Amino acid sequence: MLARELISKVVPPLRPDDEVARALAWMDEFKVSHLPVVDGREYLGLISEDNIMDGEKGDTVIASKDVFSHASVLESQHIYYVIRKLSATDLSVVAVVDTEGKYLGCITLSDLVTKFEELAVINQPGGIIVLSMNKKDYSLAQVAHVIESNNAKILSSYIFERPETGMLELTLKVNREEISSIVQSLERYDYQVIAYFQESAHLEDLKGRYDELMRYINI
């Protein structure tokens, strides 16, 4: 999934001669704290709610150009890069530009979370398994072989390295809700299963956490 596919269909850019009052009204309406400022197709930067909150409502947004953030991503960059960009800059919106730097649209944090939910197949039924292993033992193909031998498929996977131990944690979502036989097979192959969640026991908690995240984003 690329940046061009994540562009918001509802959040408009500001023009340089738009007043601060309009910027604040749009930020409130679209539940964001940043908006892109565009002159034609020229991307001028992002204006922040914090930087204009105390200004005169009749001032134009271009008067705040000294505090513009120029954060942007290329239309061809992957969703993972977009997530990293938003995380590193603490923005609620990031601009999308072409190779010539021309403005194409923007991506909001809330839209990004929704798309990432689709990418991680959170809404599809299944079970979750977490494995711990040494780096030298990591092979997703071998893990997939064990899972597929139990008539299941991996829907998504995520790998994380514990900095304090150097061990890898591999989180898998599989397309079966009852996963006890899969867990037993993995343990027979000497994989260390450190956690697993069957859908019936875990879905409500996962949905609750997701709803909390969405409420935080919409504050």
N, C-alpha and C. Protein backbone atom coordinates (compact mmCIF):
# COMPACT_ATOMS: atom_id res chain seq x y z
N MET A 1 0.84 -1.19 0.00
CA MET A 1 0.00 0.00 0.00
C MET A 1 0.89 1.25 0.00
N LEU A 2 0.68 2.10 -1.01
CA LEU A 2 1.54 3.26 -1.20
C LEU A 2 0.85 4.54 -0.74
N ALA A 3 1.66 5.59 -0.56
CA ALA A 3 1.14 6.86 -0.04
C ALA A 3 0.00 7.40 -0.90
N ARG A 4 0.12 7.27 -2.22
CA ARG A 4 -0.93 7.82 -3.09
C ARG A 4 -2.29 7.17 -2.83
N GLU A 5 -2.26 5.92 -2.33
CA GLU A 5 -3.52 5.21 -2.06
C GLU A 5 -4.12 5.59 -0.71
N LEU A 6 -3.38 6.36 0.09
CA LEU A 6 -3.83 6.72 1.43
C LEU A 6 -4.33 8.16 1.52
N ILE A 7 -4.28 8.90 0.41
CA ILE A 7 -4.64 10.32 0.42
C ILE A 7 -6.09 10.51 0.86
N SER A 8 -6.29 11.44 1.77
CA SER A 8 -7.63 11.75 2.28
C SER A 8 -8.51 12.32 1.18
N LYS A 9 -9.76 11.88 1.18
CA LYS A 9 -10.72 12.39 0.19
C LYS A 9 -11.51 13.58 0.73
N VAL A 10 -11.29 13.94 2.00
CA VAL A 10 -12.13 14.98 2.59
C VAL A 10 -11.35 16.19 3.11
N VAL A 11 -10.09 16.04 3.49
CA VAL A 11 -9.34 17.16 4.10
C VAL A 11 -8.75 18.04 3.00
N PRO A 12 -9.19 19.30 2.90
CA PRO A 12 -8.69 20.21 1.86
C PRO A 12 -7.44 20.95 2.32
N PRO A 13 -6.63 21.45 1.39
CA PRO A 13 -5.50 22.30 1.77
C PRO A 13 -5.95 23.74 1.95
N LEU A 14 -5.19 24.50 2.70
CA LEU A 14 -5.40 25.94 2.83
C LEU A 14 -4.65 26.67 1.72
N ARG A 15 -5.13 27.84 1.39
CA ARG A 15 -4.41 28.73 0.48
C ARG A 15 -3.65 29.76 1.32
N PRO A 16 -2.60 30.36 0.80
CA PRO A 16 -1.82 31.33 1.57
C PRO A 16 -2.64 32.50 2.10
N ASP A 17 -3.69 32.90 1.34
CA ASP A 17 -4.48 34.06 1.75
C ASP A 17 -5.68 33.69 2.61
N ASP A 18 -5.84 32.41 2.96
CA ASP A 18 -6.91 32.02 3.89
C ASP A 18 -6.62 32.59 5.27
N GLU A 19 -7.68 32.93 5.97
CA GLU A 19 -7.52 33.50 7.30
C GLU A 19 -7.32 32.42 8.35
N VAL A 20 -6.69 32.80 9.45
CA VAL A 20 -6.45 31.89 10.56
C VAL A 20 -7.77 31.31 11.07
N ALA A 21 -8.83 32.11 11.06
CA ALA A 21 -10.14 31.64 11.52
C ALA A 21 -10.60 30.43 10.72
N ARG A 22 -10.38 30.46 9.39
CA ARG A 22 -10.76 29.32 8.54
C ARG A 22 -9.91 28.09 8.87
N ALA A 23 -8.62 28.32 9.07
CA ALA A 23 -7.73 27.20 9.40
C ALA A 23 -8.17 26.51 10.69
N LEU A 24 -8.48 27.29 11.70
CA LEU A 24 -8.90 26.71 12.98
C LEU A 24 -10.24 26.00 12.84
N ALA A 25 -11.15 26.57 12.06
CA ALA A 25 -12.46 25.94 11.86
C ALA A 25 -12.31 24.60 11.15
N TRP A 26 -11.45 24.55 10.14
CA TRP A 26 -11.25 23.29 9.41
C TRP A 26 -10.55 22.24 10.28
N MET A 27 -9.59 22.69 11.09
CA MET A 27 -8.94 21.74 11.99
C MET A 27 -9.95 21.11 12.94
N ASP A 28 -10.86 21.93 13.43
CA ASP A 28 -11.91 21.41 14.32
C ASP A 28 -12.85 20.47 13.57
N GLU A 29 -13.22 20.85 12.36
CA GLU A 29 -14.16 20.05 11.58
C GLU A 29 -13.58 18.68 11.21
N PHE A 30 -12.31 18.66 10.81
CA PHE A 30 -11.70 17.42 10.32
C PHE A 30 -10.89 16.69 11.40
N LYS A 31 -10.94 17.21 12.63
CA LYS A 31 -10.30 16.56 13.78
C LYS A 31 -8.80 16.33 13.54
N VAL A 32 -8.12 17.39 13.08
CA VAL A 32 -6.67 17.36 12.90
C VAL A 32 -6.08 18.61 13.56
N SER A 33 -4.80 18.57 13.84
CA SER A 33 -4.13 19.73 14.42
C SER A 33 -3.11 20.35 13.47
N HIS A 34 -3.10 19.89 12.22
CA HIS A 34 -2.24 20.45 11.18
C HIS A 34 -3.01 20.47 9.87
N LEU A 35 -2.67 21.41 9.00
CA LEU A 35 -3.24 21.44 7.66
C LEU A 35 -2.17 21.89 6.67
N PRO A 36 -2.19 21.32 5.45
CA PRO A 36 -1.24 21.76 4.42
C PRO A 36 -1.64 23.12 3.85
N VAL A 37 -0.64 23.90 3.49
CA VAL A 37 -0.85 25.18 2.82
C VAL A 37 -0.27 25.05 1.41
N VAL A 38 -1.10 25.36 0.40
CA VAL A 38 -0.72 25.12 -0.99
C VAL A 38 -1.02 26.36 -1.83
N ASP A 39 -0.08 26.74 -2.65
CA ASP A 39 -0.26 27.84 -3.60
C ASP A 39 -0.31 27.23 -4.99
N GLY A 40 -1.52 27.07 -5.54
CA GLY A 40 -1.68 26.31 -6.78
C GLY A 40 -1.38 24.85 -6.48
N ARG A 41 -0.30 24.34 -7.06
CA ARG A 41 0.16 22.98 -6.73
C ARG A 41 1.46 23.01 -5.93
N GLU A 42 1.94 24.22 -5.62
CA GLU A 42 3.18 24.35 -4.86
C GLU A 42 2.90 24.13 -3.37
N TYR A 43 3.57 23.15 -2.82
CA TYR A 43 3.40 22.83 -1.41
C TYR A 43 4.29 23.75 -0.57
N LEU A 44 3.64 24.56 0.30
CA LEU A 44 4.38 25.52 1.11
C LEU A 44 4.75 24.97 2.48
N GLY A 45 3.95 24.04 3.00
CA GLY A 45 4.25 23.47 4.30
C GLY A 45 2.98 23.19 5.09
N LEU A 46 3.16 22.68 6.31
CA LEU A 46 2.04 22.40 7.21
C LEU A 46 1.96 23.49 8.27
N ILE A 47 0.75 23.94 8.54
CA ILE A 47 0.54 24.90 9.61
C ILE A 47 -0.05 24.17 10.81
N SER A 48 0.40 24.51 12.00
CA SER A 48 0.00 23.83 13.22
C SER A 48 -1.01 24.65 14.02
N GLU A 49 -1.96 23.97 14.60
CA GLU A 49 -2.94 24.63 15.47
C GLU A 49 -2.25 25.38 16.60
N ASP A 50 -1.22 24.77 17.20
CA ASP A 50 -0.51 25.40 18.32
C ASP A 50 0.11 26.74 17.92
N ASN A 51 0.56 26.83 16.66
CA ASN A 51 1.27 28.03 16.22
C ASN A 51 0.36 29.19 15.83
N ILE A 52 -0.93 28.89 15.63
CA ILE A 52 -1.84 29.97 15.21
C ILE A 52 -2.96 30.22 16.22
N MET A 53 -3.04 29.41 17.26
CA MET A 53 -4.13 29.51 18.23
C MET A 53 -4.23 30.90 18.85
N ASP A 54 -3.10 31.50 19.15
CA ASP A 54 -3.10 32.81 19.83
C ASP A 54 -2.99 33.99 18.88
N GLY A 55 -3.01 33.71 17.57
CA GLY A 55 -2.90 34.80 16.60
C GLY A 55 -4.23 35.49 16.36
N GLU A 56 -4.18 36.57 15.58
CA GLU A 56 -5.39 37.29 15.19
C GLU A 56 -6.16 36.45 14.17
N LYS A 57 -7.46 36.28 14.41
CA LYS A 57 -8.27 35.41 13.55
C LYS A 57 -8.34 35.91 12.12
N GLY A 58 -8.13 37.24 11.93
CA GLY A 58 -8.18 37.79 10.58
C GLY A 58 -6.86 37.72 9.85
N ASP A 59 -5.80 37.34 10.54
CA ASP A 59 -4.50 37.18 9.88
C ASP A 59 -4.57 36.06 8.84
N THR A 60 -3.75 36.15 7.82
CA THR A 60 -3.68 35.07 6.84
C THR A 60 -2.68 34.02 7.31
N VAL A 61 -2.85 32.79 6.82
CA VAL A 61 -1.97 31.70 7.27
C VAL A 61 -0.54 31.91 6.80
N ILE A 62 -0.36 32.62 5.69
CA ILE A 62 1.00 32.83 5.19
C ILE A 62 1.81 33.67 6.16
N ALA A 63 1.13 34.41 7.04
CA ALA A 63 1.85 35.21 8.04
C ALA A 63 2.59 34.32 9.02
N SER A 64 2.21 33.04 9.07
CA SER A 64 2.86 32.09 9.99
C SER A 64 3.89 31.22 9.29
N LYS A 65 4.34 31.62 8.10
CA LYS A 65 5.19 30.75 7.29
C LYS A 65 6.51 30.40 7.97
N ASP A 66 6.96 31.24 8.91
CA ASP A 66 8.23 30.97 9.59
C ASP A 66 8.15 29.74 10.49
N VAL A 67 6.94 29.30 10.83
CA VAL A 67 6.78 28.13 11.70
C VAL A 67 6.17 26.95 10.94
N PHE A 68 6.13 27.04 9.61
CA PHE A 68 5.64 25.92 8.82
C PHE A 68 6.54 24.70 9.02
N SER A 69 5.91 23.53 9.08
CA SER A 69 6.65 22.28 8.97
C SER A 69 6.59 21.84 7.51
N HIS A 70 7.71 21.39 6.97
CA HIS A 70 7.74 21.00 5.56
C HIS A 70 7.74 19.48 5.38
N ALA A 71 7.21 18.78 6.37
CA ALA A 71 7.16 17.31 6.31
C ALA A 71 6.29 16.86 5.14
N SER A 72 6.80 15.89 4.41
CA SER A 72 6.03 15.33 3.29
C SER A 72 6.57 13.94 2.97
N VAL A 73 5.78 13.19 2.21
CA VAL A 73 6.22 11.88 1.71
C VAL A 73 5.96 11.85 0.22
N LEU A 74 6.74 11.06 -0.49
CA LEU A 74 6.52 10.87 -1.92
C LEU A 74 5.34 9.95 -2.15
N GLU A 75 4.63 10.17 -3.24
CA GLU A 75 3.45 9.37 -3.54
C GLU A 75 3.76 7.88 -3.67
N SER A 76 5.01 7.55 -4.00
CA SER A 76 5.40 6.15 -4.24
C SER A 76 5.91 5.45 -2.99
N GLN A 77 5.95 6.14 -1.85
CA GLN A 77 6.50 5.52 -0.65
C GLN A 77 5.47 4.65 0.05
N HIS A 78 5.97 3.61 0.74
CA HIS A 78 5.12 2.59 1.34
C HIS A 78 4.48 3.09 2.63
N ILE A 79 3.37 2.47 3.00
CA ILE A 79 2.65 2.85 4.23
C ILE A 79 3.55 2.77 5.45
N TYR A 80 4.51 1.84 5.49
CA TYR A 80 5.39 1.74 6.65
C TYR A 80 6.25 3.00 6.79
N TYR A 81 6.69 3.56 5.65
CA TYR A 81 7.47 4.79 5.70
C TYR A 81 6.59 5.94 6.20
N VAL A 82 5.33 5.97 5.75
CA VAL A 82 4.41 7.03 6.17
C VAL A 82 4.19 6.95 7.69
N ILE A 83 4.01 5.74 8.21
CA ILE A 83 3.84 5.56 9.65
C ILE A 83 5.06 6.07 10.39
N ARG A 84 6.25 5.72 9.89
CA ARG A 84 7.49 6.15 10.54
C ARG A 84 7.62 7.69 10.50
N LYS A 85 7.21 8.29 9.39
CA LYS A 85 7.28 9.74 9.26
C LYS A 85 6.37 10.43 10.26
N LEU A 86 5.14 9.96 10.38
CA LEU A 86 4.21 10.57 11.31
C LEU A 86 4.65 10.36 12.75
N SER A 87 5.19 9.18 13.03
CA SER A 87 5.65 8.87 14.39
C SER A 87 6.83 9.75 14.78
N ALA A 88 7.75 9.97 13.84
CA ALA A 88 8.96 10.74 14.14
C ALA A 88 8.69 12.23 14.28
N THR A 89 7.64 12.73 13.62
CA THR A 89 7.38 14.17 13.60
C THR A 89 6.22 14.58 14.50
N ASP A 90 5.48 13.63 15.04
CA ASP A 90 4.35 13.92 15.93
C ASP A 90 3.32 14.79 15.22
N LEU A 91 3.03 14.48 13.97
CA LEU A 91 2.05 15.22 13.18
C LEU A 91 0.73 14.47 13.11
N SER A 92 -0.35 15.20 12.87
CA SER A 92 -1.65 14.57 12.66
C SER A 92 -1.96 14.43 11.17
N VAL A 93 -1.16 15.10 10.34
CA VAL A 93 -1.33 15.10 8.89
C VAL A 93 0.05 15.16 8.25
N VAL A 94 0.23 14.49 7.13
CA VAL A 94 1.46 14.63 6.36
C VAL A 94 1.09 14.85 4.89
N ALA A 95 1.80 15.71 4.21
CA ALA A 95 1.52 16.00 2.80
C ALA A 95 2.11 14.92 1.91
N VAL A 96 1.44 14.69 0.77
CA VAL A 96 1.93 13.76 -0.25
C VAL A 96 2.29 14.58 -1.49
N VAL A 97 3.51 14.40 -1.99
CA VAL A 97 3.98 15.15 -3.16
C VAL A 97 4.50 14.20 -4.22
N ASP A 98 4.61 14.72 -5.45
CA ASP A 98 5.20 13.92 -6.52
C ASP A 98 6.71 14.14 -6.56
N THR A 99 7.37 13.57 -7.54
CA THR A 99 8.84 13.66 -7.60
C THR A 99 9.34 15.09 -7.83
N GLU A 100 8.47 15.96 -8.30
CA GLU A 100 8.84 17.36 -8.50
C GLU A 100 8.45 18.23 -7.30
N GLY A 101 7.93 17.60 -6.25
CA GLY A 101 7.55 18.34 -5.06
C GLY A 101 6.18 18.98 -5.13
N LYS A 102 5.39 18.64 -6.15
CA LYS A 102 4.07 19.22 -6.32
C LYS A 102 3.06 18.50 -5.40
N TYR A 103 2.16 19.28 -4.83
CA TYR A 103 1.20 18.76 -3.85
C TYR A 103 0.15 17.88 -4.52
N LEU A 104 -0.09 16.69 -3.94
CA LEU A 104 -1.10 15.77 -4.44
C LEU A 104 -2.25 15.58 -3.47
N GLY A 105 -1.99 15.79 -2.19
CA GLY A 105 -3.01 15.57 -1.16
C GLY A 105 -2.34 15.37 0.18
N CYS A 106 -3.12 14.95 1.16
CA CYS A 106 -2.54 14.70 2.48
C CYS A 106 -3.10 13.41 3.07
N ILE A 107 -2.37 12.87 4.02
CA ILE A 107 -2.77 11.66 4.74
C ILE A 107 -2.97 12.04 6.20
N THR A 108 -4.11 11.68 6.77
CA THR A 108 -4.35 11.96 8.18
C THR A 108 -3.99 10.74 9.02
N LEU A 109 -3.68 10.99 10.29
CA LEU A 109 -3.34 9.90 11.19
C LEU A 109 -4.49 8.93 11.35
N SER A 110 -5.71 9.44 11.43
CA SER A 110 -6.87 8.55 11.61
C SER A 110 -7.08 7.66 10.39
N ASP A 111 -6.90 8.21 9.18
CA ASP A 111 -7.01 7.39 7.96
C ASP A 111 -5.92 6.33 7.93
N LEU A 112 -4.73 6.71 8.39
CA LEU A 112 -3.61 5.78 8.40
C LEU A 112 -3.87 4.60 9.32
N VAL A 113 -4.44 4.87 10.49
CA VAL A 113 -4.77 3.79 11.42
C VAL A 113 -5.80 2.85 10.80
N THR A 114 -6.81 3.41 10.13
CA THR A 114 -7.84 2.58 9.49
C THR A 114 -7.23 1.70 8.41
N LYS A 115 -6.34 2.27 7.58
CA LYS A 115 -5.70 1.48 6.53
C LYS A 115 -4.78 0.41 7.10
N PHE A 116 -4.08 0.77 8.20
CA PHE A 116 -3.19 -0.21 8.81
C PHE A 116 -3.99 -1.36 9.40
N GLU A 117 -5.19 -1.07 9.90
CA GLU A 117 -6.08 -2.13 10.39
C GLU A 117 -6.39 -3.12 9.28
N GLU A 118 -6.64 -2.59 8.07
CA GLU A 118 -6.90 -3.47 6.93
C GLU A 118 -5.65 -4.28 6.59
N LEU A 119 -4.49 -3.63 6.60
CA LEU A 119 -3.24 -4.29 6.26
C LEU A 119 -2.92 -5.42 7.24
N ALA A 120 -3.21 -5.19 8.52
CA ALA A 120 -2.91 -6.18 9.56
C ALA A 120 -4.05 -7.18 9.75
N VAL A 121 -5.08 -7.10 8.88
CA VAL A 121 -6.26 -7.97 8.91
C VAL A 121 -6.82 -8.15 10.33
N ILE A 122 -6.90 -7.04 11.07
CA ILE A 122 -7.41 -7.11 12.44
C ILE A 122 -8.85 -7.58 12.49
N ASN A 123 -9.65 -7.17 11.49
CA ASN A 123 -11.07 -7.49 11.53
C ASN A 123 -11.40 -8.90 11.05
N GLN A 124 -10.43 -9.60 10.47
CA GLN A 124 -10.70 -10.96 10.01
C GLN A 124 -10.60 -11.94 11.17
N PRO A 125 -11.49 -12.93 11.23
CA PRO A 125 -11.44 -13.90 12.33
C PRO A 125 -10.18 -14.74 12.27
N GLY A 126 -9.71 -15.15 13.44
CA GLY A 126 -8.52 -15.99 13.51
C GLY A 126 -7.90 -15.95 14.88
N GLY A 127 -6.75 -16.61 15.03
CA GLY A 127 -6.04 -16.65 16.29
C GLY A 127 -4.68 -15.98 16.17
N ILE A 128 -4.11 -15.63 17.31
CA ILE A 128 -2.81 -14.94 17.36
C ILE A 128 -1.82 -15.79 18.16
N ILE A 129 -0.61 -15.95 17.61
CA ILE A 129 0.44 -16.73 18.25
C ILE A 129 1.71 -15.88 18.31
N VAL A 130 2.38 -15.88 19.45
CA VAL A 130 3.63 -15.13 19.61
C VAL A 130 4.75 -16.12 19.92
N LEU A 131 5.80 -16.10 19.10
CA LEU A 131 6.94 -16.99 19.27
C LEU A 131 8.18 -16.18 19.66
N SER A 132 9.06 -16.78 20.44
CA SER A 132 10.36 -16.18 20.77
C SER A 132 11.45 -17.08 20.24
N MET A 133 12.49 -16.48 19.61
CA MET A 133 13.55 -17.30 19.02
C MET A 133 14.82 -16.47 18.85
N ASN A 134 15.94 -17.17 18.69
CA ASN A 134 17.20 -16.52 18.34
C ASN A 134 17.16 -16.09 16.87
N LYS A 135 17.94 -15.06 16.56
CA LYS A 135 17.96 -14.57 15.18
C LYS A 135 18.33 -15.68 14.19
N LYS A 136 19.30 -16.51 14.58
CA LYS A 136 19.78 -17.54 13.66
C LYS A 136 18.74 -18.61 13.38
N ASP A 137 17.73 -18.68 14.25
CA ASP A 137 16.69 -19.71 14.09
C ASP A 137 15.47 -19.19 13.32
N TYR A 138 15.50 -17.90 12.97
CA TYR A 138 14.30 -17.33 12.33
C TYR A 138 14.18 -17.78 10.88
N SER A 139 13.03 -18.36 10.58
CA SER A 139 12.69 -18.70 9.20
C SER A 139 11.16 -18.71 9.11
N LEU A 140 10.61 -17.68 8.49
CA LEU A 140 9.16 -17.61 8.36
C LEU A 140 8.63 -18.77 7.50
N ALA A 141 9.42 -19.20 6.54
CA ALA A 141 9.00 -20.30 5.68
C ALA A 141 8.81 -21.58 6.49
N GLN A 142 9.73 -21.85 7.43
CA GLN A 142 9.61 -23.05 8.25
C GLN A 142 8.42 -22.96 9.19
N VAL A 143 8.21 -21.77 9.79
CA VAL A 143 7.05 -21.58 10.66
C VAL A 143 5.76 -21.77 9.86
N ALA A 144 5.72 -21.19 8.66
CA ALA A 144 4.53 -21.32 7.82
C ALA A 144 4.26 -22.77 7.46
N HIS A 145 5.34 -23.54 7.24
CA HIS A 145 5.16 -24.97 6.92
C HIS A 145 4.46 -25.71 8.06
N VAL A 146 4.86 -25.42 9.29
CA VAL A 146 4.23 -26.07 10.45
C VAL A 146 2.77 -25.67 10.54
N ILE A 147 2.49 -24.40 10.36
CA ILE A 147 1.11 -23.91 10.46
C ILE A 147 0.25 -24.49 9.33
N GLU A 148 0.79 -24.51 8.13
CA GLU A 148 0.02 -25.02 7.00
C GLU A 148 -0.21 -26.53 7.09
N SER A 149 0.66 -27.23 7.80
CA SER A 149 0.44 -28.67 8.01
C SER A 149 -0.75 -28.93 8.92
N ASN A 150 -1.20 -27.87 9.60
CA ASN A 150 -2.41 -27.95 10.42
C ASN A 150 -3.62 -27.32 9.71
N ASN A 151 -3.55 -27.27 8.40
CA ASN A 151 -4.64 -26.75 7.57
C ASN A 151 -5.01 -25.30 7.94
N ALA A 152 -3.99 -24.49 8.16
CA ALA A 152 -4.20 -23.07 8.46
C ALA A 152 -3.25 -22.24 7.61
N LYS A 153 -3.52 -20.95 7.53
CA LYS A 153 -2.69 -20.02 6.78
C LYS A 153 -2.33 -18.82 7.66
N ILE A 154 -1.14 -18.24 7.41
CA ILE A 154 -0.76 -17.01 8.08
C ILE A 154 -1.40 -15.83 7.35
N LEU A 155 -2.18 -15.02 8.09
CA LEU A 155 -2.82 -13.85 7.52
C LEU A 155 -1.89 -12.63 7.59
N SER A 156 -1.15 -12.51 8.69
CA SER A 156 -0.21 -11.40 8.83
C SER A 156 0.86 -11.80 9.84
N SER A 157 2.01 -11.11 9.77
CA SER A 157 3.09 -11.40 10.71
C SER A 157 3.80 -10.10 11.07
N TYR A 158 4.38 -10.09 12.26
CA TYR A 158 5.09 -8.92 12.74
C TYR A 158 6.27 -9.41 13.58
N ILE A 159 7.45 -8.83 13.34
CA ILE A 159 8.63 -9.26 14.06
C ILE A 159 9.21 -8.10 14.86
N PHE A 160 9.64 -8.39 16.08
CA PHE A 160 10.17 -7.37 16.99
C PHE A 160 11.38 -7.94 17.71
N GLU A 161 12.46 -7.15 17.77
CA GLU A 161 13.66 -7.59 18.48
C GLU A 161 13.71 -6.96 19.87
N ARG A 162 13.82 -7.81 20.88
CA ARG A 162 13.95 -7.33 22.25
C ARG A 162 15.36 -6.76 22.45
N PRO A 163 15.49 -5.45 22.66
CA PRO A 163 16.83 -4.86 22.76
C PRO A 163 17.63 -5.38 23.95
N GLU A 164 16.93 -5.76 25.02
CA GLU A 164 17.65 -6.20 26.21
C GLU A 164 18.21 -7.62 26.08
N THR A 165 17.62 -8.44 25.19
CA THR A 165 18.08 -9.82 25.04
C THR A 165 18.57 -10.16 23.64
N GLY A 166 18.17 -9.36 22.64
CA GLY A 166 18.50 -9.69 21.27
C GLY A 166 17.63 -10.77 20.68
N MET A 167 16.66 -11.28 21.45
CA MET A 167 15.74 -12.30 20.96
C MET A 167 14.68 -11.68 20.06
N LEU A 168 14.23 -12.46 19.09
CA LEU A 168 13.16 -12.03 18.21
C LEU A 168 11.82 -12.53 18.73
N GLU A 169 10.82 -11.68 18.63
CA GLU A 169 9.44 -12.08 18.91
C GLU A 169 8.66 -12.00 17.61
N LEU A 170 8.11 -13.12 17.19
CA LEU A 170 7.36 -13.20 15.95
C LEU A 170 5.87 -13.36 16.30
N THR A 171 5.08 -12.35 15.93
CA THR A 171 3.65 -12.39 16.17
C THR A 171 2.94 -12.77 14.88
N LEU A 172 2.11 -13.79 14.95
CA LEU A 172 1.41 -14.30 13.77
C LEU A 172 -0.09 -14.26 13.98
N LYS A 173 -0.82 -13.87 12.95
CA LYS A 173 -2.26 -14.06 12.95
C LYS A 173 -2.59 -15.11 11.91
N VAL A 174 -3.33 -16.13 12.34
CA VAL A 174 -3.68 -17.23 11.45
C VAL A 174 -5.19 -17.25 11.24
N ASN A 175 -5.62 -17.94 10.21
CA ASN A 175 -7.04 -17.89 9.82
C ASN A 175 -7.89 -18.95 10.51
N ARG A 176 -7.42 -19.43 11.67
CA ARG A 176 -8.24 -20.36 12.45
C ARG A 176 -8.45 -19.81 13.84
N GLU A 177 -9.69 -19.92 14.33
CA GLU A 177 -9.99 -19.42 15.66
C GLU A 177 -9.52 -20.38 16.75
N GLU A 178 -9.60 -21.67 16.48
CA GLU A 178 -9.16 -22.68 17.45
C GLU A 178 -7.74 -23.08 17.07
N ILE A 179 -6.76 -22.72 17.88
CA ILE A 179 -5.36 -22.86 17.47
C ILE A 179 -4.54 -23.76 18.39
N SER A 180 -5.19 -24.48 19.28
CA SER A 180 -4.43 -25.31 20.23
C SER A 180 -3.58 -26.35 19.52
N SER A 181 -4.09 -26.94 18.44
CA SER A 181 -3.31 -27.95 17.72
C SER A 181 -2.10 -27.32 17.03
N ILE A 182 -2.25 -26.07 16.55
CA ILE A 182 -1.13 -25.37 15.92
C ILE A 182 -0.05 -25.09 16.96
N VAL A 183 -0.46 -24.63 18.13
CA VAL A 183 0.48 -24.36 19.22
C VAL A 183 1.24 -25.62 19.59
N GLN A 184 0.54 -26.73 19.71
CA GLN A 184 1.19 -28.00 20.06
C GLN A 184 2.20 -28.42 19.00
N SER A 185 1.85 -28.24 17.73
CA SER A 185 2.77 -28.59 16.65
C SER A 185 4.03 -27.73 16.69
N LEU A 186 3.86 -26.43 16.91
CA LEU A 186 5.00 -25.53 17.00
C LEU A 186 5.92 -25.93 18.15
N GLU A 187 5.35 -26.29 19.27
CA GLU A 187 6.15 -26.70 20.42
C GLU A 187 6.87 -28.02 20.15
N ARG A 188 6.26 -28.90 19.37
CA ARG A 188 6.94 -30.16 19.02
C ARG A 188 8.16 -29.89 18.15
N TYR A 189 8.12 -28.81 17.39
CA TYR A 189 9.27 -28.43 16.57
C TYR A 189 10.22 -27.50 17.33
N ASP A 190 10.06 -27.47 18.63
CA ASP A 190 10.95 -26.72 19.54
C ASP A 190 10.85 -25.20 19.40
N TYR A 191 9.74 -24.71 18.89
CA TYR A 191 9.49 -23.28 18.92
C TYR A 191 8.95 -22.89 20.29
N GLN A 192 9.44 -21.78 20.81
CA GLN A 192 8.99 -21.31 22.11
C GLN A 192 7.77 -20.41 21.93
N VAL A 193 6.61 -20.92 22.30
CA VAL A 193 5.37 -20.16 22.22
C VAL A 193 5.22 -19.40 23.54
N ILE A 194 5.35 -18.07 23.48
CA ILE A 194 5.29 -17.29 24.73
C ILE A 194 3.89 -16.72 24.99
N ALA A 195 3.02 -16.76 23.99
CA ALA A 195 1.64 -16.31 24.19
C ALA A 195 0.81 -16.75 23.00
N TYR A 196 -0.46 -16.99 23.24
CA TYR A 196 -1.39 -17.20 22.13
C TYR A 196 -2.79 -16.80 22.58
N PHE A 197 -3.56 -16.35 21.60
CA PHE A 197 -4.89 -15.82 21.89
C PHE A 197 -5.87 -16.41 20.89
N GLN A 198 -6.83 -17.12 21.38
CA GLN A 198 -7.88 -17.63 20.51
C GLN A 198 -8.92 -16.54 20.35
N GLU A 199 -9.54 -16.48 19.19
CA GLU A 199 -10.40 -15.36 18.83
C GLU A 199 -11.48 -15.09 19.85
N SER A 200 -12.13 -16.11 20.32
CA SER A 200 -13.26 -15.91 21.23
C SER A 200 -12.83 -15.21 22.51
N ALA A 201 -11.58 -15.46 22.95
CA ALA A 201 -11.11 -14.88 24.21
C ALA A 201 -10.45 -13.52 24.00
N HIS A 202 -9.97 -13.28 22.75
CA HIS A 202 -9.12 -12.11 22.54
C HIS A 202 -9.76 -10.98 21.75
N LEU A 203 -10.78 -11.29 20.94
CA LEU A 203 -11.33 -10.29 20.02
C LEU A 203 -11.89 -9.08 20.76
N GLU A 204 -12.62 -9.32 21.84
CA GLU A 204 -13.24 -8.21 22.56
C GLU A 204 -12.18 -7.28 23.14
N ASP A 205 -11.10 -7.85 23.69
CA ASP A 205 -10.02 -7.03 24.25
C ASP A 205 -9.32 -6.25 23.15
N LEU A 206 -9.06 -6.88 22.00
CA LEU A 206 -8.40 -6.22 20.88
C LEU A 206 -9.26 -5.07 20.35
N LYS A 207 -10.56 -5.31 20.23
CA LYS A 207 -11.46 -4.26 19.75
C LYS A 207 -11.49 -3.09 20.73
N GLY A 208 -11.47 -3.41 22.03
CA GLY A 208 -11.45 -2.36 23.04
C GLY A 208 -10.22 -1.49 22.92
N ARG A 209 -9.05 -2.11 22.71
CA ARG A 209 -7.82 -1.35 22.56
C ARG A 209 -7.85 -0.48 21.30
N TYR A 210 -8.39 -1.04 20.22
CA TYR A 210 -8.49 -0.27 18.98
C TYR A 210 -9.42 0.93 19.15
N ASP A 211 -10.58 0.71 19.82
CA ASP A 211 -11.52 1.80 20.06
C ASP A 211 -10.89 2.90 20.91
N GLU A 212 -10.07 2.52 21.90
CA GLU A 212 -9.37 3.50 22.73
C GLU A 212 -8.42 4.34 21.88
N LEU A 213 -7.71 3.67 20.95
CA LEU A 213 -6.78 4.38 20.06
C LEU A 213 -7.52 5.37 19.19
N MET A 214 -8.67 4.95 18.63
CA MET A 214 -9.45 5.83 17.77
C MET A 214 -10.00 7.02 18.55
N ARG A 215 -10.40 6.80 19.81
CA ARG A 215 -10.89 7.91 20.63
C ARG A 215 -9.76 8.90 20.90
N TYR A 216 -8.54 8.37 21.11
CA TYR A 216 -7.37 9.24 21.35
C TYR A 216 -7.08 10.10 20.13
N ILE A 217 -7.14 9.49 18.96
CA ILE A 217 -6.86 10.20 17.72
C ILE A 217 -7.88 11.31 17.48
N ASN A 218 -9.12 11.08 17.88
CA ASN A 218 -10.18 12.04 17.61
C ASN A 218 -10.32 13.11 18.67
N ILE A 219 -9.44 13.08 19.70
CA ILE A 219 -9.51 14.11 20.74
C ILE A 219 -9.22 15.49 20.12
